[in-house]
Amino acid sequence: MSMLEIADLVVRYGAIQAVRGISLHVEEGEVVALLGSNGAGKSTTMRAVAGLVRPAAGRISFKGVNLRERSAHAVVGLGLAHCPEGRHVFATMTVEENLDLGAYMHRGRNLAAMLADGKRRAFRLFPILEERRRQLAGTLSGGEQQMLAIARSLMARPLLLTLDEPSMGLAPIAVKTIFRTIREISAEGVTVFLVEQNARAALRLAGRGYVLETGRIVAEGPAGALLEDPRLQASYLGTG
């Protein structure tokens, strides 16, 4: 049984069918990339997995549990954390307060120790966040906000982390930091499902990938094979 299984997923926004019956899987310990151009259905797929949009048809299963009727907070409670496109940090709260909110599902007498442990991990992965811990999140740079968004997601202690466009709008040096840290997160045992327009960087990080076009999967396979696919090179990878 795969950690995440999507079967015949259909998602509609009114009369618009954004996702058209796709099926894919993510195995425990993998980094899997979901690629495609704007409007292909990538973010919609991620939002359906996270419980933020309701599928019209199909099945989403996480560790054998059907997610289709689960609320977003229930999905987090099962061990699946979502880092959304556009970061969505709480701008008027400090870095540390944002991190605390990432652990909102946790309760009990060990909460203080859990929060401290989560923040130690966040500051180890992103040392700049420790320097900025009392700074308002809205005053951070775009790259720092993305670091905070990922770190906040990790405060939930997920088994599977879904990342929606983590490099969008960032300077090249920040992109390198983000991808390097995703690799570290994977090495620590967190399974990663990644939506990314930077197809070449994503496939260099991932073990496998899927390519979406207008809501349908048009290619899938090992990352190395996708990197060498002439059709994908022409459409998504360029010559760099």
C-alpha atoms as a PDB file:
ATOM      1  CA  MET A   1       0.000   0.000   0.000  1.00  0.00           C
ATOM      2  CA  SER A   2       1.352   3.400  -1.020  1.00  0.00           C
ATOM      3  CA  MET A   3       1.541   6.199   1.535  1.00  0.00           C
ATOM      4  CA  LEU A   4      -0.562   8.407  -0.777  1.00  0.00           C
ATOM      5  CA  GLU A   5      -2.805   7.057  -3.513  1.00  0.00           C
ATOM      6  CA  ILE A   6      -4.936   9.133  -5.854  1.00  0.00           C
ATOM      7  CA  ALA A   7      -7.333   7.234  -8.111  1.00  0.00           C
ATOM      8  CA  ASP A   8      -9.499   8.698 -10.884  1.00  0.00           C
ATOM      9  CA  LEU A   9      -9.562  12.111  -9.213  1.00  0.00           C
ATOM     10  CA  VAL A  10     -11.920  14.706 -10.662  1.00  0.00           C
ATOM     11  CA  VAL A  11     -12.133  18.262  -9.317  1.00  0.00           C
ATOM     12  CA  ARG A  12     -14.463  20.906 -10.693  1.00  0.00           C
ATOM     13  CA  TYR A  13     -14.889  24.629 -10.108  1.00  0.00           C
ATOM     14  CA  GLY A  14     -18.454  25.118 -11.261  1.00  0.00           C
ATOM     15  CA  ALA A  15     -18.579  24.110 -14.919  1.00  0.00           C
ATOM     16  CA  ILE A  16     -14.782  24.044 -15.202  1.00  0.00           C
ATOM     17  CA  GLN A  17     -13.156  20.629 -14.784  1.00  0.00           C
ATOM     18  CA  ALA A  18      -9.708  21.419 -13.388  1.00  0.00           C
ATOM     19  CA  VAL A  19      -8.585  17.827 -12.761  1.00  0.00           C
ATOM     20  CA  ARG A  20      -9.782  15.128 -15.150  1.00  0.00           C
ATOM     21  CA  GLY A  21      -9.551  11.658 -13.654  1.00  0.00           C
ATOM     22  CA  ILE A  22      -5.885  11.474 -12.669  1.00  0.00           C
ATOM     23  CA  SER A  23      -4.273   8.607 -10.775  1.00  0.00           C
ATOM     24  CA  LEU A  24      -0.892   8.669  -9.059  1.00  0.00           C
ATOM     25  CA  HIS A  25       0.892   7.371  -5.966  1.00  0.00           C
ATOM     26  CA  VAL A  26       3.626   8.421  -3.543  1.00  0.00           C
ATOM     27  CA  GLU A  27       5.578   5.784  -1.640  1.00  0.00           C
ATOM     28  CA  GLU A  28       6.950   6.240   1.867  1.00  0.00           C
ATOM     29  CA  GLY A  29      10.332   7.967   1.807  1.00  0.00           C
ATOM     30  CA  GLU A  30      10.016   9.264  -1.758  1.00  0.00           C
ATOM     31  CA  VAL A  31      10.273  12.739  -3.207  1.00  0.00           C
ATOM     32  CA  VAL A  32       7.735  12.925  -6.038  1.00  0.00           C
ATOM     33  CA  ALA A  33       7.322  15.951  -8.327  1.00  0.00           C
ATOM     34  CA  LEU A  34       4.103  17.046 -10.010  1.00  0.00           C
ATOM     35  CA  LEU A  35       4.950  19.235 -12.998  1.00  0.00           C
ATOM     36  CA  GLY A  36       3.056  21.262 -15.556  1.00  0.00           C
ATOM     37  CA  SER A  37       2.330  24.749 -16.804  1.00  0.00           C
ATOM     38  CA  ASN A  38      -0.014  27.318 -15.248  1.00  0.00           C
ATOM     39  CA  GLY A  39      -3.583  26.054 -15.191  1.00  0.00           C
ATOM     40  CA  ALA A  40      -2.624  22.412 -15.583  1.00  0.00           C
ATOM     41  CA  GLY A  41      -4.317  21.409 -12.309  1.00  0.00           C
ATOM     42  CA  LYS A  42      -1.276  20.983 -10.091  1.00  0.00           C
ATOM     43  CA  SER A  43      -2.331  23.234  -7.217  1.00  0.00           C
ATOM     44  CA  THR A  44      -5.903  21.973  -7.408  1.00  0.00           C
ATOM     45  CA  THR A  45      -4.603  18.429  -6.944  1.00  0.00           C
ATOM     46  CA  MET A  46      -2.604  19.506  -3.909  1.00  0.00           C
ATOM     47  CA  ARG A  47      -5.556  21.362  -2.427  1.00  0.00           C
ATOM     48  CA  ALA A  48      -7.735  18.289  -2.858  1.00  0.00           C
ATOM     49  CA  VAL A  49      -5.155  16.144  -1.057  1.00  0.00           C
ATOM     50  CA  ALA A  50      -5.019  18.668   1.805  1.00  0.00           C
ATOM     51  CA  GLY A  51      -8.802  18.748   2.181  1.00  0.00           C
ATOM     52  CA  LEU A  52      -9.097  22.344   0.979  1.00  0.00           C
ATOM     53  CA  VAL A  53     -11.290  21.516  -2.034  1.00  0.00           C
ATOM     54  CA  ARG A  54     -13.824  18.705  -2.404  1.00  0.00           C
ATOM     55  CA  PRO A  55     -13.351  16.280  -5.304  1.00  0.00           C
ATOM     56  CA  ALA A  56     -16.292  15.635  -7.594  1.00  0.00           C
ATOM     57  CA  ALA A  57     -15.182  12.025  -8.060  1.00  0.00           C
ATOM     58  CA  GLY A  58     -12.333   9.653  -7.338  1.00  0.00           C
ATOM     59  CA  ARG A  59     -10.418   8.575  -4.258  1.00  0.00           C
ATOM     60  CA  ILE A  60      -7.573  10.045  -2.213  1.00  0.00           C
ATOM     61  CA  SER A  61      -6.058   7.652   0.316  1.00  0.00           C
ATOM     62  CA  PHE A  62      -3.353   8.413   2.894  1.00  0.00           C
ATOM     63  CA  LYS A  63      -1.940   5.364   4.683  1.00  0.00           C
ATOM     64  CA  GLY A  64      -5.147   3.540   3.820  1.00  0.00           C
ATOM     65  CA  VAL A  65      -7.488   6.286   5.105  1.00  0.00           C
ATOM     66  CA  ASN A  66      -9.914   7.825   2.593  1.00  0.00           C
ATOM     67  CA  LEU A  67      -9.347  11.595   2.669  1.00  0.00           C
ATOM     68  CA  ARG A  68     -12.173  12.562   0.366  1.00  0.00           C
ATOM     69  CA  GLU A  69     -14.606  13.548   3.117  1.00  0.00           C
ATOM     70  CA  ARG A  70     -12.011  14.642   5.679  1.00  0.00           C
ATOM     71  CA  SER A  71     -11.668  18.266   6.730  1.00  0.00           C
ATOM     72  CA  ALA A  72      -8.354  20.050   6.300  1.00  0.00           C
ATOM     73  CA  HIS A  73      -7.539  19.955  10.030  1.00  0.00           C
ATOM     74  CA  ALA A  74      -8.388  16.239  10.176  1.00  0.00           C
ATOM     75  CA  VAL A  75      -5.956  15.616   7.311  1.00  0.00           C
ATOM     76  CA  VAL A  76      -3.200  17.353   9.287  1.00  0.00           C
ATOM     77  CA  GLY A  77      -4.056  15.186  12.294  1.00  0.00           C
ATOM     78  CA  LEU A  78      -3.409  12.072  10.213  1.00  0.00           C
ATOM     79  CA  GLY A  79       0.152  13.193   9.498  1.00  0.00           C
ATOM     80  CA  LEU A  80      -0.117  15.109   6.215  1.00  0.00           C
ATOM     81  CA  ALA A  81       0.945  18.764   6.204  1.00  0.00           C
ATOM     82  CA  HIS A  82       0.471  21.177   3.316  1.00  0.00           C
ATOM     83  CA  CYS A  83       2.674  24.181   2.550  1.00  0.00           C
ATOM     84  CA  PRO A  84       0.561  26.343   0.229  1.00  0.00           C
ATOM     85  CA  GLU A  85       1.438  28.299  -2.856  1.00  0.00           C
ATOM     86  CA  GLY A  86       2.116  31.924  -1.972  1.00  0.00           C
ATOM     87  CA  ARG A  87       3.387  31.115   1.544  1.00  0.00           C
ATOM     88  CA  HIS A  88       0.431  32.633   3.451  1.00  0.00           C
ATOM     89  CA  VAL A  89       2.360  33.437   6.610  1.00  0.00           C
ATOM     90  CA  PHE A  90       0.566  35.384   9.349  1.00  0.00           C
ATOM     91  CA  ALA A  91       2.068  38.781   8.559  1.00  0.00           C
ATOM     92  CA  THR A  92       1.211  40.564  11.807  1.00  0.00           C
ATOM     93  CA  MET A  93       2.566  37.763  14.012  1.00  0.00           C
ATOM     94  CA  THR A  94       6.200  37.034  14.802  1.00  0.00           C
ATOM     95  CA  VAL A  95       8.201  34.219  13.273  1.00  0.00           C
ATOM     96  CA  GLU A  96       8.006  32.312  16.539  1.00  0.00           C
ATOM     97  CA  GLU A  97       4.234  32.788  16.792  1.00  0.00           C
ATOM     98  CA  ASN A  98       3.832  31.483  13.236  1.00  0.00           C
ATOM     99  CA  LEU A  99       5.812  28.394  14.185  1.00  0.00           C
ATOM    100  CA  ASP A 100       3.706  27.830  17.287  1.00  0.00           C
ATOM    101  CA  LEU A 101       0.558  27.914  15.167  1.00  0.00           C
ATOM    102  CA  GLY A 102       1.991  25.175  12.967  1.00  0.00           C
ATOM    103  CA  ALA A 103       1.661  22.805  15.921  1.00  0.00           C
ATOM    104  CA  TYR A 104      -1.972  23.684  16.670  1.00  0.00           C
ATOM    105  CA  MET A 105      -3.097  20.040  16.374  1.00  0.00           C
ATOM    106  CA  HIS A 106      -0.893  18.939  19.255  1.00  0.00           C
ATOM    107  CA  ARG A 107      -2.207  18.925  22.795  1.00  0.00           C
ATOM    108  CA  GLY A 108      -1.267  17.615  26.229  1.00  0.00           C
ATOM    109  CA  ARG A 109       1.242  18.073  28.972  1.00  0.00           C
ATOM    110  CA  ASN A 110       4.180  17.568  26.595  1.00  0.00           C
ATOM    111  CA  LEU A 111       3.157  20.456  24.342  1.00  0.00           C
ATOM    112  CA  ALA A 112       5.850  22.845  25.577  1.00  0.00           C
ATOM    113  CA  ALA A 113       8.587  20.280  24.971  1.00  0.00           C
ATOM    114  CA  MET A 114       7.125  19.463  21.549  1.00  0.00           C
ATOM    115  CA  LEU A 115       7.082  23.131  20.565  1.00  0.00           C
ATOM    116  CA  ALA A 116      10.653  23.622  21.730  1.00  0.00           C
ATOM    117  CA  ASP A 117      11.807  20.538  19.820  1.00  0.00           C
ATOM    118  CA  GLY A 118       9.999  21.657  16.665  1.00  0.00           C
ATOM    119  CA  LYS A 119      11.543  25.095  16.810  1.00  0.00           C
ATOM    120  CA  ARG A 120      15.022  23.662  17.344  1.00  0.00           C
ATOM    121  CA  ARG A 121      14.517  21.669  14.157  1.00  0.00           C
ATOM    122  CA  ALA A 122      13.204  24.716  12.286  1.00  0.00           C
ATOM    123  CA  PHE A 123      16.160  26.845  13.364  1.00  0.00           C
ATOM    124  CA  ARG A 124      18.612  24.088  12.429  1.00  0.00           C
ATOM    125  CA  LEU A 125      17.126  23.824   8.930  1.00  0.00           C
ATOM    126  CA  PHE A 126      16.737  27.606   8.525  1.00  0.00           C
ATOM    127  CA  PRO A 127      19.190  29.441  10.832  1.00  0.00           C
ATOM    128  CA  ILE A 128      17.988  32.844   9.592  1.00  0.00           C
ATOM    129  CA  LEU A 129      14.618  32.171  11.248  1.00  0.00           C
ATOM    130  CA  GLU A 130      16.264  32.002  14.661  1.00  0.00           C
ATOM    131  CA  GLU A 131      17.805  35.409  14.047  1.00  0.00           C
ATOM    132  CA  ARG A 132      14.369  36.692  13.020  1.00  0.00           C
ATOM    133  CA  ARG A 133      12.329  34.826  15.638  1.00  0.00           C
ATOM    134  CA  ARG A 134      10.849  37.996  17.184  1.00  0.00           C
ATOM    135  CA  GLN A 135      10.431  39.796  13.870  1.00  0.00           C
ATOM    136  CA  LEU A 136       6.980  40.180  12.286  1.00  0.00           C
ATOM    137  CA  ALA A 137       6.574  37.668   9.472  1.00  0.00           C
ATOM    138  CA  GLY A 138       5.277  40.356   7.109  1.00  0.00           C
ATOM    139  CA  THR A 139       8.625  42.151   7.248  1.00  0.00           C
ATOM    140  CA  LEU A 140      10.626  39.119   6.059  1.00  0.00           C
ATOM    141  CA  SER A 141      11.933  38.783   2.521  1.00  0.00           C
ATOM    142  CA  GLY A 142      10.123  36.453   0.137  1.00  0.00           C
ATOM    143  CA  GLY A 143      12.725  33.743   0.617  1.00  0.00           C
ATOM    144  CA  GLU A 144      12.561  34.038   4.391  1.00  0.00           C
ATOM    145  CA  GLN A 145       8.772  33.835   4.288  1.00  0.00           C
ATOM    146  CA  GLN A 146       9.001  30.638   2.243  1.00  0.00           C
ATOM    147  CA  MET A 147      11.421  29.203   4.783  1.00  0.00           C
ATOM    148  CA  LEU A 148       8.976  30.124   7.525  1.00  0.00           C
ATOM    149  CA  ALA A 149       6.059  28.532   5.670  1.00  0.00           C
ATOM    150  CA  ILE A 150       7.950  25.256   5.293  1.00  0.00           C
ATOM    151  CA  ALA A 151       9.158  25.338   8.884  1.00  0.00           C
ATOM    152  CA  ARG A 152       5.612  26.044  10.108  1.00  0.00           C
ATOM    153  CA  SER A 153       4.352  23.000   8.181  1.00  0.00           C
ATOM    154  CA  LEU A 154       7.040  20.839   9.773  1.00  0.00           C
ATOM    155  CA  MET A 155       5.851  21.887  13.250  1.00  0.00           C
ATOM    156  CA  ALA A 156       2.911  19.498  12.692  1.00  0.00           C
ATOM    157  CA  ARG A 157       5.433  16.621  12.560  1.00  0.00           C
ATOM    158  CA  PRO A 158       4.126  15.307   9.255  1.00  0.00           C
ATOM    159  CA  LEU A 159       4.827  11.930   7.716  1.00  0.00           C
ATOM    160  CA  LEU A 160       4.074  13.460   4.313  1.00  0.00           C
ATOM    161  CA  LEU A 161       4.793  17.089   3.396  1.00  0.00           C
ATOM    162  CA  THR A 162       3.113  18.551   0.315  1.00  0.00           C
ATOM    163  CA  LEU A 163       4.799  21.646  -1.099  1.00  0.00           C
ATOM    164  CA  ASP A 164       3.041  23.857  -3.636  1.00  0.00           C
ATOM    165  CA  GLU A 165       5.425  25.980  -5.730  1.00  0.00           C
ATOM    166  CA  PRO A 166       8.086  26.548  -3.035  1.00  0.00           C
ATOM    167  CA  SER A 167      10.427  28.397  -5.416  1.00  0.00           C
ATOM    168  CA  MET A 168       7.849  30.755  -6.938  1.00  0.00           C
ATOM    169  CA  GLY A 169       8.987  34.362  -7.094  1.00  0.00           C
ATOM    170  CA  LEU A 170      12.234  33.794  -5.188  1.00  0.00           C
ATOM    171  CA  ALA A 171      15.759  34.964  -5.972  1.00  0.00           C
ATOM    172  CA  PRO A 172      18.105  32.212  -7.247  1.00  0.00           C
ATOM    173  CA  ILE A 173      20.085  32.043  -4.003  1.00  0.00           C
ATOM    174  CA  ALA A 174      16.873  31.559  -2.014  1.00  0.00           C
ATOM    175  CA  VAL A 175      15.739  28.860  -4.444  1.00  0.00           C
ATOM    176  CA  LYS A 176      18.986  26.959  -3.873  1.00  0.00           C
ATOM    177  CA  THR A 177      18.481  27.169  -0.103  1.00  0.00           C
ATOM    178  CA  ILE A 178      14.887  25.933  -0.351  1.00  0.00           C
ATOM    179  CA  PHE A 179      15.748  22.943  -2.546  1.00  0.00           C
ATOM    180  CA  ARG A 180      18.756  22.034  -0.419  1.00  0.00           C
ATOM    181  CA  THR A 181      16.560  22.055   2.669  1.00  0.00           C
ATOM    182  CA  ILE A 182      13.856  19.939   1.008  1.00  0.00           C
ATOM    183  CA  ARG A 183      16.573  17.373   0.358  1.00  0.00           C
ATOM    184  CA  GLU A 184      17.544  17.498   4.050  1.00  0.00           C
ATOM    185  CA  ILE A 185      13.910  17.094   5.111  1.00  0.00           C
ATOM    186  CA  SER A 186      13.633  14.021   2.893  1.00  0.00           C
ATOM    187  CA  ALA A 187      16.855  12.601   4.324  1.00  0.00           C
ATOM    188  CA  GLU A 188      15.308  12.900   7.798  1.00  0.00           C
ATOM    189  CA  GLY A 189      12.519  10.537   6.738  1.00  0.00           C
ATOM    190  CA  VAL A 190       9.712  12.883   5.665  1.00  0.00           C
ATOM    191  CA  THR A 191       8.008  11.885   2.425  1.00  0.00           C
ATOM    192  CA  VAL A 192       7.677  14.839   0.034  1.00  0.00           C
ATOM    193  CA  PHE A 193       5.119  15.520  -2.714  1.00  0.00           C
ATOM    194  CA  LEU A 194       6.172  18.609  -4.620  1.00  0.00           C
ATOM    195  CA  VAL A 195       4.404  20.860  -7.127  1.00  0.00           C
ATOM    196  CA  GLU A 196       6.913  22.989  -8.961  1.00  0.00           C
ATOM    197  CA  GLN A 197       7.134  25.020 -12.178  1.00  0.00           C
ATOM    198  CA  ASN A 198      10.927  24.847 -12.076  1.00  0.00           C
ATOM    199  CA  ALA A 199      10.792  21.413 -13.676  1.00  0.00           C
ATOM    200  CA  ARG A 200      14.515  20.861 -14.030  1.00  0.00           C
ATOM    201  CA  ALA A 201      15.277  21.661 -10.382  1.00  0.00           C
ATOM    202  CA  ALA A 202      12.333  19.558  -9.216  1.00  0.00           C
ATOM    203  CA  LEU A 203      13.409  16.508 -11.244  1.00  0.00           C
ATOM    204  CA  ARG A 204      16.974  16.817  -9.966  1.00  0.00           C
ATOM    205  CA  LEU A 205      15.544  16.605  -6.457  1.00  0.00           C
ATOM    206  CA  ALA A 206      12.806  14.003  -6.963  1.00  0.00           C
ATOM    207  CA  GLY A 207      13.012  10.293  -7.570  1.00  0.00           C
ATOM    208  CA  ARG A 208       9.901  10.193  -9.747  1.00  0.00           C
ATOM    209  CA  GLY A 209       7.636  12.671 -11.455  1.00  0.00           C
ATOM    210  CA  TYR A 210       4.275  13.206 -13.121  1.00  0.00           C
ATOM    211  CA  VAL A 211       3.455  15.793 -15.777  1.00  0.00           C
ATOM    212  CA  LEU A 212      -0.014  17.358 -15.943  1.00  0.00           C
ATOM    213  CA  GLU A 213      -1.541  19.081 -18.949  1.00  0.00           C
ATOM    214  CA  THR A 214      -5.066  20.530 -18.776  1.00  0.00           C
ATOM    215  CA  GLY A 215      -5.982  18.315 -15.855  1.00  0.00           C
ATOM    216  CA  ARG A 216      -4.628  15.038 -17.231  1.00  0.00           C
ATOM    217  CA  ILE A 217      -1.372  13.157 -16.622  1.00  0.00           C
ATOM    218  CA  VAL A 218       0.513  13.022 -19.922  1.00  0.00           C
ATOM    219  CA  ALA A 219       3.838  11.602 -18.704  1.00  0.00           C
ATOM    220  CA  GLU A 220       5.220   9.843 -15.643  1.00  0.00           C
ATOM    221  CA  GLY A 221       8.293   7.923 -14.619  1.00  0.00           C
ATOM    222  CA  PRO A 222      11.717   8.117 -12.974  1.00  0.00           C
ATOM    223  CA  ALA A 223      13.039  11.650 -12.741  1.00  0.00           C
ATOM    224  CA  GLY A 224      16.096  10.850 -14.843  1.00  0.00           C
ATOM    225  CA  ALA A 225      13.966   9.500 -17.671  1.00  0.00           C
ATOM    226  CA  LEU A 226      11.723  12.564 -17.618  1.00  0.00           C
ATOM    227  CA  LEU A 227      14.766  14.838 -17.744  1.00  0.00           C
ATOM    228  CA  GLU A 228      15.893  13.062 -20.912  1.00  0.00           C
ATOM    229  CA  ASP A 229      12.448  13.010 -22.561  1.00  0.00           C
ATOM    230  CA  PRO A 230      12.674  15.178 -25.721  1.00  0.00           C
ATOM    231  CA  ARG A 231       9.015  16.212 -25.482  1.00  0.00           C
ATOM    232  CA  LEU A 232       9.468  17.480 -21.946  1.00  0.00           C
ATOM    233  CA  GLN A 233      12.713  19.181 -22.802  1.00  0.00           C
ATOM    234  CA  ALA A 234      10.940  21.123 -25.533  1.00  0.00           C
ATOM    235  CA  SER A 235       7.897  21.975 -23.406  1.00  0.00           C
ATOM    236  CA  TYR A 236       9.221  22.493 -19.863  1.00  0.00           C
ATOM    237  CA  LEU A 237      12.966  22.071 -19.487  1.00  0.00           C
ATOM    238  CA  GLY A 238      14.506  24.359 -22.062  1.00  0.00           C
ATOM    239  CA  THR A 239      18.203  23.961 -22.669  1.00  0.00           C
ATOM    240  CA  GLY A 240      19.605  24.963 -19.259  1.00  0.00           C
END
